[in-house]
Amino acid sequence: MSDLPSPSRLMRGLTVLSGGGLLLVVLGAATVAMLAEFAKTWQWYFRMERAMALAMPATLILLGLFVAGLVGMVVLADRD
């Protein structure tokens, strides 16, 4: 028996980590947007735009990894 983790365990880890990262990125961008709406100043709206510009590529990458992990979990699921 090898010390390497099983592929299904790796897929589960990928899914959990990418899902958690996706949640944090979206939560961070939403927090900045909410603060901008409370402040209603151009400075905060500019910060919101910068936050959205930074969050978009990370969101797309993490979403892709999350979906790939979900598909991988289904494909590698143990069959009884």
C-alpha atoms as a PDB file:
ATOM      1  CA  MET A   1       0.000   0.000   0.000  1.00  0.00           C
ATOM      2  CA  SER A   2       1.364   3.438  -0.899  1.00  0.00           C
ATOM      3  CA  ASP A   3       1.373   6.561   1.219  1.00  0.00           C
ATOM      4  CA  LEU A   4      -0.315   8.627  -1.504  1.00  0.00           C
ATOM      5  CA  PRO A   5      -3.885   9.775  -0.858  1.00  0.00           C
ATOM      6  CA  SER A   6      -6.615   8.330  -3.031  1.00  0.00           C
ATOM      7  CA  PRO A   7      -7.759  10.284  -6.094  1.00  0.00           C
ATOM      8  CA  SER A   8     -11.255  10.703  -4.664  1.00  0.00           C
ATOM      9  CA  ARG A   9      -9.768  12.265  -1.535  1.00  0.00           C
ATOM     10  CA  LEU A  10      -7.696  14.659  -3.663  1.00  0.00           C
ATOM     11  CA  MET A  11     -10.805  15.674  -5.619  1.00  0.00           C
ATOM     12  CA  ARG A  12     -12.709  16.263  -2.388  1.00  0.00           C
ATOM     13  CA  GLY A  13      -9.861  18.427  -1.090  1.00  0.00           C
ATOM     14  CA  LEU A  14      -9.723  20.393  -4.355  1.00  0.00           C
ATOM     15  CA  THR A  15     -13.467  20.960  -4.191  1.00  0.00           C
ATOM     16  CA  VAL A  16     -13.477  22.074  -0.570  1.00  0.00           C
ATOM     17  CA  LEU A  17     -10.481  24.402  -0.973  1.00  0.00           C
ATOM     18  CA  SER A  18     -11.700  25.996  -4.200  1.00  0.00           C
ATOM     19  CA  GLY A  19     -15.240  26.357  -2.820  1.00  0.00           C
ATOM     20  CA  GLY A  20     -13.925  28.004   0.341  1.00  0.00           C
ATOM     21  CA  GLY A  21     -11.662  30.306  -1.644  1.00  0.00           C
ATOM     22  CA  LEU A  22     -14.539  31.228  -3.934  1.00  0.00           C
ATOM     23  CA  LEU A  23     -16.695  32.043  -0.934  1.00  0.00           C
ATOM     24  CA  LEU A  24     -13.982  34.272   0.562  1.00  0.00           C
ATOM     25  CA  VAL A  25     -13.317  36.155  -2.678  1.00  0.00           C
ATOM     26  CA  VAL A  26     -17.005  36.831  -3.293  1.00  0.00           C
ATOM     27  CA  LEU A  27     -17.539  37.793   0.340  1.00  0.00           C
ATOM     28  CA  GLY A  28     -14.623  40.245   0.190  1.00  0.00           C
ATOM     29  CA  ALA A  29     -15.887  41.904  -2.987  1.00  0.00           C
ATOM     30  CA  ALA A  30     -19.410  42.076  -1.572  1.00  0.00           C
ATOM     31  CA  THR A  31     -18.119  43.683   1.619  1.00  0.00           C
ATOM     32  CA  VAL A  32     -16.359  46.423  -0.338  1.00  0.00           C
ATOM     33  CA  ALA A  33     -19.491  46.961  -2.449  1.00  0.00           C
ATOM     34  CA  MET A  34     -21.654  47.214   0.655  1.00  0.00           C
ATOM     35  CA  LEU A  35     -19.281  49.728   2.249  1.00  0.00           C
ATOM     36  CA  ALA A  36     -19.313  51.759  -0.964  1.00  0.00           C
ATOM     37  CA  GLU A  37     -23.096  51.866  -0.931  1.00  0.00           C
ATOM     38  CA  PHE A  38     -23.114  52.991   2.700  1.00  0.00           C
ATOM     39  CA  ALA A  39     -20.489  55.694   2.113  1.00  0.00           C
ATOM     40  CA  LYS A  40     -21.878  56.883  -1.249  1.00  0.00           C
ATOM     41  CA  THR A  41     -18.656  58.658  -2.191  1.00  0.00           C
ATOM     42  CA  TRP A  42     -16.719  58.479  -5.445  1.00  0.00           C
ATOM     43  CA  GLN A  43     -13.654  57.274  -3.578  1.00  0.00           C
ATOM     44  CA  TRP A  44     -15.515  54.238  -2.254  1.00  0.00           C
ATOM     45  CA  TYR A  45     -17.120  53.567  -5.645  1.00  0.00           C
ATOM     46  CA  PHE A  46     -13.647  53.584  -7.165  1.00  0.00           C
ATOM     47  CA  ARG A  47     -12.504  51.117  -4.490  1.00  0.00           C
ATOM     48  CA  MET A  48     -15.490  48.941  -5.341  1.00  0.00           C
ATOM     49  CA  GLU A  49     -14.533  48.954  -9.023  1.00  0.00           C
ATOM     50  CA  ARG A  50     -10.961  47.978  -8.179  1.00  0.00           C
ATOM     51  CA  ALA A  51     -12.192  45.184  -5.891  1.00  0.00           C
ATOM     52  CA  MET A  52     -14.452  43.836  -8.642  1.00  0.00           C
ATOM     53  CA  ALA A  53     -11.621  44.012 -11.173  1.00  0.00           C
ATOM     54  CA  LEU A  54      -9.364  42.032  -8.843  1.00  0.00           C
ATOM     55  CA  ALA A  55     -12.025  39.535  -7.826  1.00  0.00           C
ATOM     56  CA  MET A  56     -13.266  38.619 -11.311  1.00  0.00           C
ATOM     57  CA  PRO A  57     -10.248  36.584 -12.537  1.00  0.00           C
ATOM     58  CA  ALA A  58      -9.901  34.839  -9.193  1.00  0.00           C
ATOM     59  CA  THR A  59     -13.625  34.069  -9.151  1.00  0.00           C
ATOM     60  CA  LEU A  60     -13.529  32.531 -12.617  1.00  0.00           C
ATOM     61  CA  ILE A  61     -10.495  30.372 -11.818  1.00  0.00           C
ATOM     62  CA  LEU A  62     -11.898  29.201  -8.486  1.00  0.00           C
ATOM     63  CA  LEU A  63     -15.311  28.522 -10.012  1.00  0.00           C
ATOM     64  CA  GLY A  64     -13.696  26.419 -12.735  1.00  0.00           C
ATOM     65  CA  LEU A  65     -11.713  24.445 -10.156  1.00  0.00           C
ATOM     66  CA  PHE A  66     -14.827  23.998  -8.032  1.00  0.00           C
ATOM     67  CA  VAL A  67     -16.884  22.621 -10.922  1.00  0.00           C
ATOM     68  CA  ALA A  68     -14.007  20.381 -12.017  1.00  0.00           C
ATOM     69  CA  GLY A  69     -13.716  19.103  -8.452  1.00  0.00           C
ATOM     70  CA  LEU A  70     -17.440  18.374  -8.280  1.00  0.00           C
ATOM     71  CA  VAL A  71     -17.319  16.455 -11.560  1.00  0.00           C
ATOM     72  CA  GLY A  72     -14.205  14.624 -10.392  1.00  0.00           C
ATOM     73  CA  MET A  73     -15.910  13.670  -7.133  1.00  0.00           C
ATOM     74  CA  VAL A  74     -18.820  12.157  -9.055  1.00  0.00           C
ATOM     75  CA  VAL A  75     -16.558  10.301 -11.484  1.00  0.00           C
ATOM     76  CA  LEU A  76     -14.295   8.932  -8.736  1.00  0.00           C
ATOM     77  CA  ALA A  77     -17.066   8.145  -6.241  1.00  0.00           C
ATOM     78  CA  ASP A  78     -16.896   4.707  -4.653  1.00  0.00           C
ATOM     79  CA  ARG A  79     -19.522   2.394  -6.063  1.00  0.00           C
ATOM     80  CA  ASP A  80     -21.185  -0.039  -3.677  1.00  0.00           C
END
